[in-house]
N, C-alpha and C. Protein backbone atom coordinates (compact mmCIF):
# COMPACT_ATOMS: atom_id res chain seq x y z
N MET A 1 15.54 10.17 -1.77
CA MET A 1 15.64 8.86 -1.28
C MET A 1 14.02 8.15 -1.46
N TYR A 2 13.88 6.94 -1.93
CA TYR A 2 12.54 6.32 -1.90
C TYR A 2 12.67 5.01 -2.45
N ALA A 3 11.70 4.11 -2.11
CA ALA A 3 11.77 2.80 -2.21
C ALA A 3 10.53 1.86 -2.74
N VAL A 4 10.59 1.12 -3.57
CA VAL A 4 9.59 0.32 -4.06
C VAL A 4 9.12 -0.74 -2.81
N VAL A 5 8.28 -1.07 -2.46
CA VAL A 5 8.04 -1.97 -1.49
C VAL A 5 6.85 -2.80 -1.57
N LYS A 6 6.64 -4.19 -1.55
CA LYS A 6 5.75 -5.04 -1.63
C LYS A 6 4.65 -5.48 -0.31
N THR A 7 3.70 -5.07 -0.51
CA THR A 7 2.69 -5.12 0.62
C THR A 7 1.24 -5.47 0.13
N GLY A 8 0.67 -6.55 0.90
CA GLY A 8 -0.56 -6.94 0.22
C GLY A 8 -1.06 -6.94 -1.42
N GLY A 9 0.21 -7.77 -1.83
CA GLY A 9 0.19 -8.14 -2.84
C GLY A 9 0.14 -7.08 -4.26
N LYS A 10 0.51 -5.70 -4.00
CA LYS A 10 1.07 -4.51 -4.36
C LYS A 10 2.08 -4.22 -4.13
N GLN A 11 2.45 -3.01 -5.20
CA GLN A 11 3.85 -2.49 -5.11
C GLN A 11 3.36 -1.07 -4.86
N TYR A 12 4.46 -0.59 -3.98
CA TYR A 12 4.17 0.99 -3.87
C TYR A 12 5.50 1.36 -3.63
N LYS A 13 5.54 3.00 -4.28
CA LYS A 13 6.25 3.47 -4.27
C LYS A 13 6.54 4.71 -3.02
N MET A 14 7.93 4.44 -2.10
CA MET A 14 7.63 5.25 -0.74
C MET A 14 8.45 6.27 -0.67
N ALA A 15 8.64 7.12 -0.06
CA ALA A 15 9.75 8.38 0.43
C ALA A 15 9.21 8.80 2.09
N PRO A 16 10.49 8.94 2.49
CA PRO A 16 9.78 9.69 3.89
C PRO A 16 9.31 10.85 4.05
N GLY A 17 8.33 10.88 4.85
CA GLY A 17 7.51 12.13 4.55
C GLY A 17 6.17 11.61 4.03
N ASP A 18 6.32 10.78 3.37
CA ASP A 18 4.72 10.71 2.11
C ASP A 18 3.94 9.56 2.96
N THR A 19 2.51 10.06 2.99
CA THR A 19 1.50 9.17 3.33
C THR A 19 0.78 8.05 2.53
N ILE A 20 0.81 6.90 2.32
CA ILE A 20 0.37 6.09 1.76
C ILE A 20 -0.31 4.92 2.29
N ARG A 21 -1.79 4.84 0.95
CA ARG A 21 -2.91 4.26 1.77
C ARG A 21 -2.33 3.03 0.77
N VAL A 22 -2.27 1.36 1.75
CA VAL A 22 -2.02 0.56 1.87
C VAL A 22 -3.14 -0.64 2.03
N GLY A 23 -3.45 -1.60 1.72
CA GLY A 23 -4.71 -2.72 2.30
C GLY A 23 -4.35 -2.51 3.90
N THR A 24 -5.63 -3.24 4.15
CA THR A 24 -6.16 -3.13 5.76
C THR A 24 -4.67 -4.02 6.49
N ILE A 25 -4.22 -3.10 7.55
CA ILE A 25 -2.94 -3.86 8.18
C ILE A 25 -3.41 -3.97 9.85
N ASN A 26 -3.28 -5.07 10.27
CA ASN A 26 -4.64 -5.61 11.39
C ASN A 26 -3.21 -4.85 12.97
N GLN A 27 -3.51 -3.57 12.66
CA GLN A 27 -3.02 -3.20 14.03
C GLN A 27 -3.57 -2.18 14.37
N GLU A 28 -3.15 -1.18 15.39
CA GLU A 28 -3.91 -0.24 15.73
C GLU A 28 -3.12 0.99 14.99
N ALA A 29 -4.24 2.14 15.17
CA ALA A 29 -4.06 3.77 15.09
C ALA A 29 -2.44 4.43 15.74
N GLY A 30 -1.50 4.45 15.14
CA GLY A 30 -0.49 4.85 16.15
C GLY A 30 0.64 3.73 16.07
N ALA A 31 0.60 2.55 15.89
CA ALA A 31 1.60 1.66 15.66
C ALA A 31 2.53 2.03 14.87
N LYS A 32 4.02 1.94 15.44
CA LYS A 32 4.88 1.24 14.27
C LYS A 32 4.51 0.32 13.21
N VAL A 33 4.93 0.63 12.34
CA VAL A 33 4.90 -0.69 10.94
C VAL A 33 6.47 -0.59 10.66
N GLU A 34 6.77 -1.85 10.32
CA GLU A 34 8.04 -1.83 9.24
C GLU A 34 7.82 -2.62 8.23
N PHE A 35 7.88 -2.58 7.09
CA PHE A 35 7.68 -3.05 5.38
C PHE A 35 9.08 -3.61 5.16
N ASP A 36 9.23 -5.09 5.12
CA ASP A 36 10.33 -5.51 4.81
C ASP A 36 10.97 -6.69 3.57
N GLN A 37 9.69 -6.40 2.83
CA GLN A 37 9.89 -6.73 1.09
C GLN A 37 10.23 -5.67 0.39
N VAL A 38 11.38 -5.17 0.63
CA VAL A 38 11.48 -4.25 -0.38
C VAL A 38 12.30 -4.46 -1.60
N LEU A 39 11.85 -4.02 -2.85
CA LEU A 39 12.02 -4.35 -4.10
C LEU A 39 13.09 -3.45 -4.60
N LEU A 40 13.25 -2.22 -4.48
CA LEU A 40 14.40 -1.41 -4.93
C LEU A 40 14.51 -0.25 -3.90
N VAL A 41 15.63 -0.15 -3.90
CA VAL A 41 16.00 1.43 -3.02
C VAL A 41 16.83 2.62 -3.94
N SER A 42 16.56 3.45 -4.27
CA SER A 42 17.27 4.73 -4.73
C SER A 42 17.18 5.98 -4.27
N ASP A 43 18.64 6.01 -4.17
CA ASP A 43 18.91 7.66 -3.09
C ASP A 43 19.31 8.50 -4.51
N GLY A 44 19.35 8.37 -5.48
CA GLY A 44 19.36 9.84 -6.57
C GLY A 44 20.87 9.23 -7.44
N ASP A 45 21.89 8.85 -6.65
CA ASP A 45 22.79 7.99 -7.56
C ASP A 45 22.87 6.49 -7.49
N ASN A 46 22.80 5.81 -6.24
CA ASN A 46 22.70 4.43 -6.68
C ASN A 46 21.65 3.96 -6.18
N LEU A 47 21.52 2.44 -7.02
CA LEU A 47 20.04 2.24 -7.19
C LEU A 47 20.47 0.47 -6.80
N LEU A 48 19.71 0.62 -5.72
CA LEU A 48 19.25 -1.06 -5.25
C LEU A 48 18.80 -2.01 -5.56
N VAL A 49 19.21 -3.08 -6.66
CA VAL A 49 17.86 -4.07 -7.13
C VAL A 49 17.66 -5.34 -6.57
N GLY A 50 16.69 -5.82 -5.60
CA GLY A 50 16.69 -6.99 -5.05
C GLY A 50 16.16 -7.79 -5.95
N GLN A 51 16.49 -9.10 -5.28
CA GLN A 51 16.35 -10.36 -6.32
C GLN A 51 15.60 -11.18 -5.70
N PRO A 52 14.63 -11.73 -5.47
CA PRO A 52 13.36 -10.66 -4.99
C PRO A 52 13.68 -9.24 -4.53
N PHE A 53 14.27 -9.90 -3.34
CA PHE A 53 14.17 -8.55 -2.20
C PHE A 53 15.26 -8.33 -1.25
N LEU A 54 15.63 -6.94 -1.18
CA LEU A 54 16.53 -6.53 -0.57
C LEU A 54 16.90 -7.08 0.55
N SER A 55 17.50 -7.83 1.30
CA SER A 55 17.52 -8.16 2.95
C SER A 55 18.09 -7.53 3.61
N ASN A 56 18.54 -6.49 3.21
CA ASN A 56 19.23 -5.55 4.10
C ASN A 56 18.61 -3.76 4.35
N VAL A 57 17.43 -3.84 3.90
CA VAL A 57 16.78 -2.35 4.12
C VAL A 57 15.19 -2.79 4.47
N ARG A 58 15.06 -2.33 5.40
CA ARG A 58 13.38 -1.68 5.93
C ARG A 58 13.16 -0.38 5.97
N VAL A 59 11.73 -0.34 5.72
CA VAL A 59 10.91 1.06 5.59
C VAL A 59 10.27 0.97 6.78
N ALA A 60 10.48 1.61 7.87
CA ALA A 60 9.74 2.46 9.13
C ALA A 60 8.47 2.97 8.82
N GLY A 61 7.41 2.66 9.31
CA GLY A 61 6.58 3.99 8.82
C GLY A 61 5.25 3.86 10.27
N THR A 62 4.56 4.84 10.20
CA THR A 62 3.40 5.10 11.66
C THR A 62 2.16 4.73 11.17
N LEU A 63 1.12 3.69 11.43
CA LEU A 63 -0.34 3.64 10.82
C LEU A 63 -0.74 5.03 11.70
N LEU A 64 -1.60 5.68 10.64
CA LEU A 64 -2.36 6.50 11.00
C LEU A 64 -3.44 6.57 11.56
N ASP A 65 -4.20 5.78 10.64
CA ASP A 65 -5.93 5.15 10.79
C ASP A 65 -6.32 4.41 9.73
N HIS A 66 -7.59 3.85 10.31
CA HIS A 66 -7.90 2.68 9.29
C HIS A 66 -9.46 3.21 8.09
N SER A 67 -9.55 3.25 7.44
CA SER A 67 -10.77 3.94 6.41
C SER A 67 -11.46 2.80 5.55
N ARG A 68 -12.39 3.26 4.78
CA ARG A 68 -12.96 2.93 3.58
C ARG A 68 -13.07 3.98 2.42
N SER A 69 -12.52 3.67 1.03
CA SER A 69 -12.61 4.43 -0.03
C SER A 69 -14.27 4.44 -0.29
N LYS A 70 -14.22 5.80 -1.53
CA LYS A 70 -15.48 5.73 -1.64
C LYS A 70 -16.34 4.84 -2.47
N LYS A 71 -17.99 4.55 -2.03
CA LYS A 71 -18.57 3.43 -2.96
C LYS A 71 -18.71 3.71 -4.02
N VAL A 72 -18.40 2.42 -4.85
CA VAL A 72 -18.32 1.64 -6.45
C VAL A 72 -19.68 1.15 -6.54
N ILE A 73 -20.31 1.66 -7.55
CA ILE A 73 -21.49 0.98 -8.14
C ILE A 73 -20.83 0.43 -9.28
N VAL A 74 -21.55 -1.35 -8.65
CA VAL A 74 -21.46 -2.47 -9.51
C VAL A 74 -22.78 -2.58 -10.66
N PHE A 75 -23.11 -2.33 -11.82
CA PHE A 75 -24.34 -2.34 -12.48
C PHE A 75 -24.32 -3.72 -13.47
N LYS A 76 -24.88 -4.72 -13.38
CA LYS A 76 -24.91 -5.85 -14.86
C LYS A 76 -26.38 -5.77 -15.22
N PHE A 77 -26.36 -5.59 -16.36
CA PHE A 77 -27.56 -5.34 -16.97
C PHE A 77 -27.64 -6.40 -18.52
N LYS A 78 -28.25 -7.01 -18.82
CA LYS A 78 -28.60 -7.51 -20.17
C LYS A 78 -29.97 -7.41 -20.61
N ARG A 79 -29.96 -6.85 -21.82
CA ARG A 79 -31.40 -6.61 -22.96
C ARG A 79 -32.14 -7.55 -22.89
N LYS A 80 -33.05 -7.18 -23.31
CA LYS A 80 -34.22 -7.78 -23.34
C LYS A 80 -34.46 -9.05 -22.67
N LYS A 81 -34.03 -9.15 -21.32
CA LYS A 81 -34.42 -10.55 -20.77
C LYS A 81 -34.19 -10.27 -19.39
N GLN A 82 -34.74 -8.70 -18.83
CA GLN A 82 -34.94 -8.34 -18.05
C GLN A 82 -33.88 -9.08 -16.57
N TYR A 83 -32.80 -8.53 -17.01
CA TYR A 83 -31.84 -9.00 -15.96
C TYR A 83 -31.01 -7.28 -15.53
N ARG A 84 -31.07 -7.30 -14.27
CA ARG A 84 -30.74 -6.47 -13.51
C ARG A 84 -30.06 -6.35 -12.24
N ARG A 85 -28.69 -6.15 -11.92
CA ARG A 85 -28.19 -6.24 -10.53
C ARG A 85 -27.20 -4.85 -10.42
N THR A 86 -27.86 -4.80 -9.05
CA THR A 86 -26.70 -3.65 -8.67
C THR A 86 -26.16 -3.74 -7.08
N ALA A 87 -24.79 -3.63 -7.41
CA ALA A 87 -24.37 -3.79 -6.07
C ALA A 87 -23.33 -2.89 -5.88
N GLY A 88 -22.85 -2.77 -4.59
CA GLY A 88 -21.99 -1.76 -3.87
C GLY A 88 -20.81 -2.04 -3.59
N HIS A 89 -19.48 -1.38 -3.30
CA HIS A 89 -17.86 -1.71 -2.75
C HIS A 89 -17.58 -0.88 -2.52
N ARG A 90 -17.23 -0.95 -1.01
CA ARG A 90 -16.30 0.12 -0.44
C ARG A 90 -14.80 -0.56 0.14
N GLN A 91 -13.69 -0.29 -0.49
CA GLN A 91 -12.71 -1.14 0.22
C GLN A 91 -12.05 -0.37 0.97
N ALA A 92 -11.80 -1.50 2.20
CA ALA A 92 -10.98 -0.89 3.33
C ALA A 92 -9.64 -0.72 3.01
N TYR A 93 -8.73 0.19 3.43
CA TYR A 93 -7.34 0.24 3.58
C TYR A 93 -6.82 0.97 4.96
N SER A 94 -5.33 1.83 5.06
CA SER A 94 -4.77 1.66 6.43
C SER A 94 -3.76 2.87 5.75
N SER A 95 -4.20 4.00 6.23
CA SER A 95 -3.18 5.46 6.24
C SER A 95 -1.80 5.19 6.57
N VAL A 96 -0.47 5.07 6.14
CA VAL A 96 0.62 4.74 6.60
C VAL A 96 1.62 6.32 6.29
N LYS A 97 2.01 6.81 7.60
CA LYS A 97 3.00 8.14 7.11
C LYS A 97 4.57 7.17 6.89
N ILE A 98 4.80 7.08 6.01
CA ILE A 98 7.00 6.83 6.14
C ILE A 98 7.59 7.34 6.81
N ASP A 99 8.20 7.26 7.75
CA ASP A 99 9.13 7.60 8.73
C ASP A 99 10.34 7.62 7.89
N ALA A 100 11.11 6.66 7.95
CA ALA A 100 12.26 6.27 7.44
C ALA A 100 12.74 5.26 6.20
N ILE A 101 14.01 5.02 5.86
CA ILE A 101 13.63 3.95 4.77
C ILE A 101 15.77 4.03 5.42
N ASN A 102 15.38 2.30 6.01
CA ASN A 102 16.73 2.28 6.69
C ASN A 102 17.84 1.24 5.90
N VAL A 103 18.55 1.53 5.27
CA VAL A 103 19.48 0.40 4.79
C VAL A 103 20.88 0.01 5.65
N ASN A 104 20.86 -1.10 5.90
CA ASN A 104 22.29 -1.99 6.81
C ASN A 104 23.40 -1.80 6.16
């Protein structure tokens, strides 16, 4: 069984037991998290598709921790103009362990 969930403007495929890295969630580590914007649910034989969301489906998980990914270097350069700019970026994320997909 798996579900496709929208959170933070992105879509994630989630199954029970998976650990997913999503955009930062404003809760403490160890808190219970519930995703209610479920777009699709499949259990192998049956497929439920929302228009745009399924109202009777929730995905429950546990917030494991907050962290930041590896640094990405951004380098801008224009030849013959003496123009160089270097910047770095580290995206923040939250790790969530999916506990269950609840279909009412």
